[in-house]
Amino acid sequence: MARISGVDLPKNKKIEISLRYIFGIGPSIATAIIKTAGVRTNILTKELSEDEIVRLRDAISNYRVEGDLKRDVAQNIRRLKEIGCYKGSRHRKSLPVRGQRTHTNARTKKGKRVAVAGKKKVTK
């Protein structure tokens, strides 16, 4: 089993798909890494030699992935909250940041619905 950047890559998938299990690597970056490393695109992960794994690790080291990338994203969000900008206030309130409507949608961000009691009718 190949272990790259602290992630165990799945054995029975093509290397191009397996690399996407690493946080920060998508389809285009995975293709670029494979070309840089000089590895065949249609090879399965379990068929990689140790030399090819080392070349993939070297190619991935040029990109910001996993812990470093997560830390950068968290710092950016923390900075937005500290300066008090609109996006930071939306993050603080756990609401959508990029302009989506919240009247009817945004359930995944807002959480479970909370019932509000209605007005009671006056009886005579």
C-alpha atoms as a PDB file:
ATOM      1  CA  MET A   1       0.000   0.000   0.000  1.00  0.00           C
ATOM      2  CA  ALA A   2       1.410   3.362  -1.035  1.00  0.00           C
ATOM      3  CA  ARG A   3       1.468   6.019   1.664  1.00  0.00           C
ATOM      4  CA  ILE A   4       2.011   9.562   0.397  1.00  0.00           C
ATOM      5  CA  SER A   5       1.641  12.765   2.453  1.00  0.00           C
ATOM      6  CA  GLY A   6       0.251  10.768   5.375  1.00  0.00           C
ATOM      7  CA  VAL A   7      -2.583   9.254   3.294  1.00  0.00           C
ATOM      8  CA  ASP A   8      -2.955   5.565   2.432  1.00  0.00           C
ATOM      9  CA  LEU A   9      -3.831   5.428  -1.244  1.00  0.00           C
ATOM     10  CA  PRO A  10      -6.386   2.789  -2.349  1.00  0.00           C
ATOM     11  CA  LYS A  11      -4.723  -0.239  -3.969  1.00  0.00           C
ATOM     12  CA  ASN A  12      -7.149  -1.210  -6.723  1.00  0.00           C
ATOM     13  CA  LYS A  13      -7.615   2.178  -8.372  1.00  0.00           C
ATOM     14  CA  LYS A  14      -5.637   3.920 -11.078  1.00  0.00           C
ATOM     15  CA  ILE A  15      -2.937   6.195  -9.707  1.00  0.00           C
ATOM     16  CA  GLU A  16      -4.611   9.228 -11.268  1.00  0.00           C
ATOM     17  CA  ILE A  17      -7.732   8.579  -9.149  1.00  0.00           C
ATOM     18  CA  SER A  18      -5.813   7.472  -6.055  1.00  0.00           C
ATOM     19  CA  LEU A  19      -3.870  10.726  -5.823  1.00  0.00           C
ATOM     20  CA  ARG A  20      -7.168  12.610  -5.428  1.00  0.00           C
ATOM     21  CA  TYR A  21      -7.574  11.079  -1.959  1.00  0.00           C
ATOM     22  CA  ILE A  22      -4.913  13.551  -0.800  1.00  0.00           C
ATOM     23  CA  PHE A  23      -6.473  16.835   0.370  1.00  0.00           C
ATOM     24  CA  GLY A  24      -5.573  19.577  -2.102  1.00  0.00           C
ATOM     25  CA  ILE A  25      -5.071  17.367  -5.161  1.00  0.00           C
ATOM     26  CA  GLY A  26      -7.796  17.377  -7.789  1.00  0.00           C
ATOM     27  CA  PRO A  27      -8.017  16.033 -11.333  1.00  0.00           C
ATOM     28  CA  SER A  28      -5.765  18.570 -13.064  1.00  0.00           C
ATOM     29  CA  ILE A  29      -3.060  18.596 -10.383  1.00  0.00           C
ATOM     30  CA  ALA A  30      -3.074  14.783 -10.254  1.00  0.00           C
ATOM     31  CA  THR A  31      -2.436  14.651 -14.004  1.00  0.00           C
ATOM     32  CA  ALA A  32       0.349  17.226 -13.711  1.00  0.00           C
ATOM     33  CA  ILE A  33       2.007  15.291 -10.865  1.00  0.00           C
ATOM     34  CA  ILE A  34       1.927  12.050 -12.858  1.00  0.00           C
ATOM     35  CA  LYS A  35       3.494  13.749 -15.893  1.00  0.00           C
ATOM     36  CA  THR A  36       6.184  15.351 -13.729  1.00  0.00           C
ATOM     37  CA  ALA A  37       6.984  12.048 -12.014  1.00  0.00           C
ATOM     38  CA  GLY A  38       7.060  10.147 -15.303  1.00  0.00           C
ATOM     39  CA  VAL A  39       4.596   7.459 -14.191  1.00  0.00           C
ATOM     40  CA  ARG A  40       2.146   5.733 -16.544  1.00  0.00           C
ATOM     41  CA  THR A  41      -1.427   7.034 -16.096  1.00  0.00           C
ATOM     42  CA  ASN A  42      -3.229   3.688 -16.465  1.00  0.00           C
ATOM     43  CA  ILE A  43      -1.215   1.822 -13.804  1.00  0.00           C
ATOM     44  CA  LEU A  44      -2.905   0.674 -10.583  1.00  0.00           C
ATOM     45  CA  THR A  45      -1.565   1.896  -7.266  1.00  0.00           C
ATOM     46  CA  LYS A  46      -0.567  -1.601  -6.123  1.00  0.00           C
ATOM     47  CA  GLU A  47       1.589  -2.036  -9.258  1.00  0.00           C
ATOM     48  CA  LEU A  48       3.804   0.973  -8.461  1.00  0.00           C
ATOM     49  CA  SER A  49       7.462   0.285  -7.753  1.00  0.00           C
ATOM     50  CA  GLU A  50       9.285   1.925  -4.839  1.00  0.00           C
ATOM     51  CA  ASP A  51      11.164   4.162  -7.280  1.00  0.00           C
ATOM     52  CA  GLU A  52       7.901   5.440  -8.785  1.00  0.00           C
ATOM     53  CA  ILE A  53       6.451   6.115  -5.329  1.00  0.00           C
ATOM     54  CA  VAL A  54       9.537   8.152  -4.429  1.00  0.00           C
ATOM     55  CA  ARG A  55       9.226  10.158  -7.664  1.00  0.00           C
ATOM     56  CA  LEU A  56       5.535  10.825  -6.896  1.00  0.00           C
ATOM     57  CA  ARG A  57       6.431  12.020  -3.379  1.00  0.00           C
ATOM     58  CA  ASP A  58       9.036  14.392  -4.829  1.00  0.00           C
ATOM     59  CA  ALA A  59       6.518  15.765  -7.347  1.00  0.00           C
ATOM     60  CA  ILE A  60       3.864  16.255  -4.641  1.00  0.00           C
ATOM     61  CA  SER A  61       6.337  18.099  -2.408  1.00  0.00           C
ATOM     62  CA  ASN A  62       6.102  21.064  -4.830  1.00  0.00           C
ATOM     63  CA  TYR A  63       2.419  21.528  -3.940  1.00  0.00           C
ATOM     64  CA  ARG A  64       0.725  22.621  -0.734  1.00  0.00           C
ATOM     65  CA  VAL A  65      -1.339  19.624   0.420  1.00  0.00           C
ATOM     66  CA  GLU A  66      -2.918  18.067   3.539  1.00  0.00           C
ATOM     67  CA  GLY A  67      -1.882  19.739   6.825  1.00  0.00           C
ATOM     68  CA  ASP A  68      -0.182  22.808   5.342  1.00  0.00           C
ATOM     69  CA  LEU A  69      -3.155  23.576   3.100  1.00  0.00           C
ATOM     70  CA  LYS A  70      -5.697  23.030   5.895  1.00  0.00           C
ATOM     71  CA  ARG A  71      -3.665  25.308   8.171  1.00  0.00           C
ATOM     72  CA  ASP A  72      -3.558  28.050   5.506  1.00  0.00           C
ATOM     73  CA  VAL A  73      -7.326  27.865   4.963  1.00  0.00           C
ATOM     74  CA  ALA A  74      -7.966  28.046   8.709  1.00  0.00           C
ATOM     75  CA  GLN A  75      -5.627  31.046   9.044  1.00  0.00           C
ATOM     76  CA  ASN A  76      -7.386  32.845   6.190  1.00  0.00           C
ATOM     77  CA  ILE A  77     -10.785  32.317   7.841  1.00  0.00           C
ATOM     78  CA  ARG A  78      -9.418  33.413  11.224  1.00  0.00           C
ATOM     79  CA  ARG A  79      -7.992  36.589   9.616  1.00  0.00           C
ATOM     80  CA  LEU A  80     -11.372  37.403   8.040  1.00  0.00           C
ATOM     81  CA  LYS A  81     -13.056  37.027  11.437  1.00  0.00           C
ATOM     82  CA  GLU A  82     -10.470  39.233  13.183  1.00  0.00           C
ATOM     83  CA  ILE A  83     -10.687  42.139  10.746  1.00  0.00           C
ATOM     84  CA  GLY A  84     -14.478  42.036  11.030  1.00  0.00           C
ATOM     85  CA  CYS A  85     -15.283  42.016   7.343  1.00  0.00           C
ATOM     86  CA  TYR A  86     -18.611  40.769   5.967  1.00  0.00           C
ATOM     87  CA  LYS A  87     -17.263  37.328   5.055  1.00  0.00           C
ATOM     88  CA  GLY A  88     -15.736  36.999   8.519  1.00  0.00           C
ATOM     89  CA  SER A  89     -19.029  37.852  10.209  1.00  0.00           C
ATOM     90  CA  ARG A  90     -20.810  35.236   8.062  1.00  0.00           C
ATOM     91  CA  HIS A  91     -18.238  32.639   9.134  1.00  0.00           C
ATOM     92  CA  ARG A  92     -18.724  33.646  12.780  1.00  0.00           C
ATOM     93  CA  LYS A  93     -22.527  33.239  12.509  1.00  0.00           C
ATOM     94  CA  SER A  94     -22.230  29.898  10.641  1.00  0.00           C
ATOM     95  CA  LEU A  95     -24.104  31.222   7.627  1.00  0.00           C
ATOM     96  CA  PRO A  96     -23.283  30.888   3.904  1.00  0.00           C
ATOM     97  CA  VAL A  97     -20.428  33.195   2.939  1.00  0.00           C
ATOM     98  CA  ARG A  98     -20.736  33.478  -0.834  1.00  0.00           C
ATOM     99  CA  GLY A  99     -24.089  35.191  -1.280  1.00  0.00           C
ATOM    100  CA  GLN A 100     -26.482  32.231  -1.257  1.00  0.00           C
ATOM    101  CA  ARG A 101     -30.043  32.756  -0.057  1.00  0.00           C
ATOM    102  CA  THR A 102     -30.843  31.678   3.492  1.00  0.00           C
ATOM    103  CA  HIS A 103     -34.606  32.187   3.713  1.00  0.00           C
ATOM    104  CA  THR A 104     -35.472  28.699   2.538  1.00  0.00           C
ATOM    105  CA  ASN A 105     -32.173  26.901   1.970  1.00  0.00           C
ATOM    106  CA  ALA A 106     -28.778  26.634   3.752  1.00  0.00           C
ATOM    107  CA  ARG A 107     -29.911  23.807   6.041  1.00  0.00           C
ATOM    108  CA  THR A 108     -26.515  22.111   6.084  1.00  0.00           C
ATOM    109  CA  LYS A 109     -24.854  25.295   7.303  1.00  0.00           C
ATOM    110  CA  LYS A 110     -27.583  26.510   9.691  1.00  0.00           C
ATOM    111  CA  GLY A 111     -28.280  23.128  11.271  1.00  0.00           C
ATOM    112  CA  LYS A 112     -31.503  21.414  12.176  1.00  0.00           C
ATOM    113  CA  ARG A 113     -34.735  23.437  12.124  1.00  0.00           C
ATOM    114  CA  VAL A 114     -35.936  24.918  15.413  1.00  0.00           C
ATOM    115  CA  ALA A 115     -39.683  25.280  15.844  1.00  0.00           C
ATOM    116  CA  VAL A 116     -41.017  28.653  16.928  1.00  0.00           C
ATOM    117  CA  ALA A 117     -44.208  28.668  19.003  1.00  0.00           C
ATOM    118  CA  GLY A 118     -47.158  30.434  17.385  1.00  0.00           C
ATOM    119  CA  LYS A 119     -49.464  32.968  19.000  1.00  0.00           C
ATOM    120  CA  LYS A 120     -52.157  31.506  21.245  1.00  0.00           C
ATOM    121  CA  LYS A 121     -55.774  32.387  20.496  1.00  0.00           C
ATOM    122  CA  VAL A 122     -57.672  34.283  23.140  1.00  0.00           C
ATOM    123  CA  THR A 123     -60.642  32.304  24.459  1.00  0.00           C
ATOM    124  CA  LYS A 124     -63.763  33.947  25.865  1.00  0.00           C
END
